[in-house]
Amino acid sequence: MGTTVDIKRAVKLPEWRVSANGKKKSLGGRWNMQRIEEVLTESRRKKFTMDDLARLVYGSTSENYRNNVRKHIPAQRNHMMAKLNPLVTYYGARGRIDGVKLYESNEPDDRDKLSAELQRLRSRNEITVERYQKLRDVLSLPPPAE
């Protein structure tokens, strides 16, 4: 029999849809990890609320769209953390996600929030002990408070 060749299909990123006046852009209702990553890295210091991300992805900020954004945040956080560029998540009442921001190692608030987030992920067994230690070392976070 012959040998098989794995062919990787080139994945084309979705195009930005620009409004008629050229001021607003959106992804046309489809969440894309790479496009969101681009936006987050371009605006490193900005805290994105659910309204900001819903407007960016869906073009509108209805309650349904904000909830859809909240559903995508954990996967986006994992995607960014795999690239060692983690997100800091801001929580509101009853653990509801209010916003996200790219981690800045020189900001103490970001360090505390990311440390708490990693501790939460570890306590819920969403990441392994080895991964937890590696992320702590690479991101130069302080040791966990016992």
Protein backbone atom coordinates (compact mmCIF):
# COMPACT_ATOMS: atom_id res chain seq x y z
CA MET A 1 0.00 0.00 0.00
CA GLY A 2 1.03 3.59 -0.46
CA THR A 3 1.93 6.12 2.15
CA THR A 4 -0.50 8.76 3.26
CA VAL A 5 0.30 12.42 3.30
CA ASP A 6 -1.27 14.72 5.83
CA ILE A 7 -2.27 17.91 4.16
CA LYS A 8 -3.04 20.84 6.41
CA ARG A 9 -5.76 23.01 5.03
CA ALA A 10 -4.96 26.70 5.21
CA VAL A 11 -7.50 28.37 7.44
CA LYS A 12 -8.42 31.84 6.32
CA LEU A 13 -9.21 34.32 9.07
CA PRO A 14 -12.63 35.96 8.77
CA GLU A 15 -12.61 39.42 7.28
CA TRP A 16 -13.57 42.43 9.35
CA ARG A 17 -16.90 43.92 8.31
CA VAL A 18 -16.78 47.70 8.27
CA SER A 19 -19.86 49.90 8.59
CA ALA A 20 -20.90 52.24 5.80
CA ASN A 21 -19.31 55.24 7.49
CA GLY A 22 -16.10 53.27 8.07
CA LYS A 23 -15.99 53.84 11.83
CA LYS A 24 -17.29 50.54 13.21
CA LYS A 25 -15.95 47.10 12.48
CA SER A 26 -17.28 43.69 13.50
CA LEU A 27 -16.73 40.01 12.78
CA GLY A 28 -20.25 39.56 11.49
CA GLY A 29 -21.47 37.40 14.36
CA ARG A 30 -18.73 34.75 14.38
CA TRP A 31 -16.30 34.44 17.29
CA ASN A 32 -12.73 33.90 16.10
CA MET A 33 -9.94 33.30 18.62
CA GLN A 34 -7.16 34.74 16.45
CA ARG A 35 -9.08 37.92 15.59
CA ILE A 36 -10.02 38.51 19.24
CA GLU A 37 -6.39 37.88 20.21
CA GLU A 38 -5.28 40.53 17.69
CA VAL A 39 -7.66 43.09 19.16
CA LEU A 40 -6.63 42.32 22.74
CA THR A 41 -2.92 42.58 21.97
CA GLU A 42 -3.36 45.83 20.02
CA SER A 43 -5.03 47.40 23.08
CA ARG A 44 -2.94 45.80 25.82
CA ARG A 45 -3.88 48.17 28.61
CA LYS A 46 -7.59 48.46 27.87
CA LYS A 47 -10.17 46.59 29.92
CA PHE A 48 -12.76 45.18 27.53
CA THR A 49 -16.29 44.92 28.90
CA MET A 50 -18.83 42.44 27.58
CA ASP A 51 -20.45 45.34 25.68
CA ASP A 52 -17.15 46.13 23.94
CA LEU A 53 -16.61 42.54 22.85
CA ALA A 54 -20.25 42.02 21.84
CA ARG A 55 -20.09 45.15 19.67
CA LEU A 56 -16.81 43.95 18.17
CA VAL A 57 -18.01 40.44 17.33
CA TYR A 58 -21.74 40.85 16.73
CA GLY A 59 -22.05 44.56 15.95
CA SER A 60 -24.63 45.04 18.71
CA THR A 61 -24.87 44.80 22.48
CA SER A 62 -28.09 42.95 23.21
CA GLU A 63 -28.37 40.78 26.30
CA ASN A 64 -28.16 37.64 24.17
CA TYR A 65 -24.93 38.81 22.52
CA ARG A 66 -23.34 39.72 25.87
CA ASN A 67 -24.20 36.25 27.17
CA ASN A 68 -22.67 34.68 24.06
CA VAL A 69 -19.47 36.62 24.69
CA ARG A 70 -19.41 35.37 28.30
CA LYS A 71 -19.66 31.79 27.01
CA HIS A 72 -16.60 32.28 24.79
CA ILE A 73 -14.35 33.87 27.44
CA PRO A 74 -13.13 30.58 29.08
CA ALA A 75 -12.06 29.14 25.71
CA GLN A 76 -10.40 32.43 24.74
CA ARG A 77 -8.61 32.49 28.11
CA ASN A 78 -7.28 28.96 27.51
CA HIS A 79 -6.20 29.92 23.99
CA MET A 80 -4.33 32.96 25.26
CA MET A 81 -2.80 31.11 28.20
CA ALA A 82 -1.45 28.43 25.86
CA LYS A 83 0.44 31.21 24.10
CA LEU A 84 1.66 32.51 27.50
CA ASN A 85 -0.26 35.73 27.00
CA PRO A 86 -3.01 35.30 29.61
CA LEU A 87 -6.17 37.26 30.19
CA VAL A 88 -7.13 38.81 33.51
CA THR A 89 -10.83 38.25 34.12
CA TYR A 90 -12.94 40.72 36.07
CA TYR A 91 -15.91 39.24 37.89
CA GLY A 92 -19.07 40.96 39.08
CA ALA A 93 -21.98 39.85 41.23
CA ARG A 94 -22.38 36.09 41.68
CA GLY A 95 -19.24 35.27 39.68
CA ARG A 96 -20.52 36.78 36.45
CA ILE A 97 -17.79 37.86 34.04
CA ASP A 98 -17.79 41.64 33.62
CA GLY A 99 -14.67 42.18 31.56
CA VAL A 100 -11.24 40.98 30.46
CA LYS A 101 -7.85 42.57 30.01
CA LEU A 102 -4.49 41.34 28.82
CA TYR A 103 -2.12 40.52 31.68
CA GLU A 104 0.56 43.10 32.45
CA SER A 105 3.26 41.70 34.76
CA ASN A 106 4.21 45.11 36.16
CA GLU A 107 0.70 45.87 37.48
CA PRO A 108 0.10 44.49 41.00
CA ASP A 109 -3.68 44.24 40.52
CA ASP A 110 -3.19 42.10 37.41
CA ARG A 111 -0.72 39.86 39.23
CA ASP A 112 -3.16 39.32 42.11
CA LYS A 113 -6.12 38.64 39.82
CA LEU A 114 -4.18 36.21 37.62
CA SER A 115 -2.77 34.43 40.64
CA ALA A 116 -6.29 34.00 42.05
CA GLU A 117 -7.54 32.83 38.65
CA LEU A 118 -4.81 30.19 38.34
CA GLN A 119 -5.52 29.05 41.90
CA ARG A 120 -9.23 28.73 41.03
CA LEU A 121 -8.44 26.75 37.86
CA ARG A 122 -6.16 24.46 39.84
CA SER A 123 -8.68 23.91 42.64
CA ARG A 124 -11.34 22.96 40.07
CA ASN A 125 -8.88 20.58 38.33
CA GLU A 126 -9.13 22.51 35.07
CA ILE A 127 -5.33 22.57 34.82
CA THR A 128 -2.76 20.06 36.07
CA VAL A 129 -0.32 20.69 38.90
CA GLU A 130 2.58 20.69 36.43
CA ARG A 131 0.86 23.23 34.17
CA TYR A 132 -0.05 25.35 37.20
CA GLN A 133 3.58 25.43 38.40
CA LYS A 134 4.92 26.11 34.91
CA LEU A 135 2.53 29.03 34.37
CA ARG A 136 3.38 30.44 37.79
CA ASP A 137 7.10 30.29 37.02
CA VAL A 138 6.88 31.62 33.47
CA LEU A 139 4.55 34.47 34.40
CA SER A 140 6.67 35.21 37.52
CA LEU A 141 3.71 35.20 39.87
CA PRO A 142 4.15 35.28 43.65
CA PRO A 143 3.76 31.98 45.55
CA PRO A 144 0.16 31.08 46.40
CA ALA A 145 -1.25 32.27 49.73
CA GLU A 146 -2.04 29.30 51.89
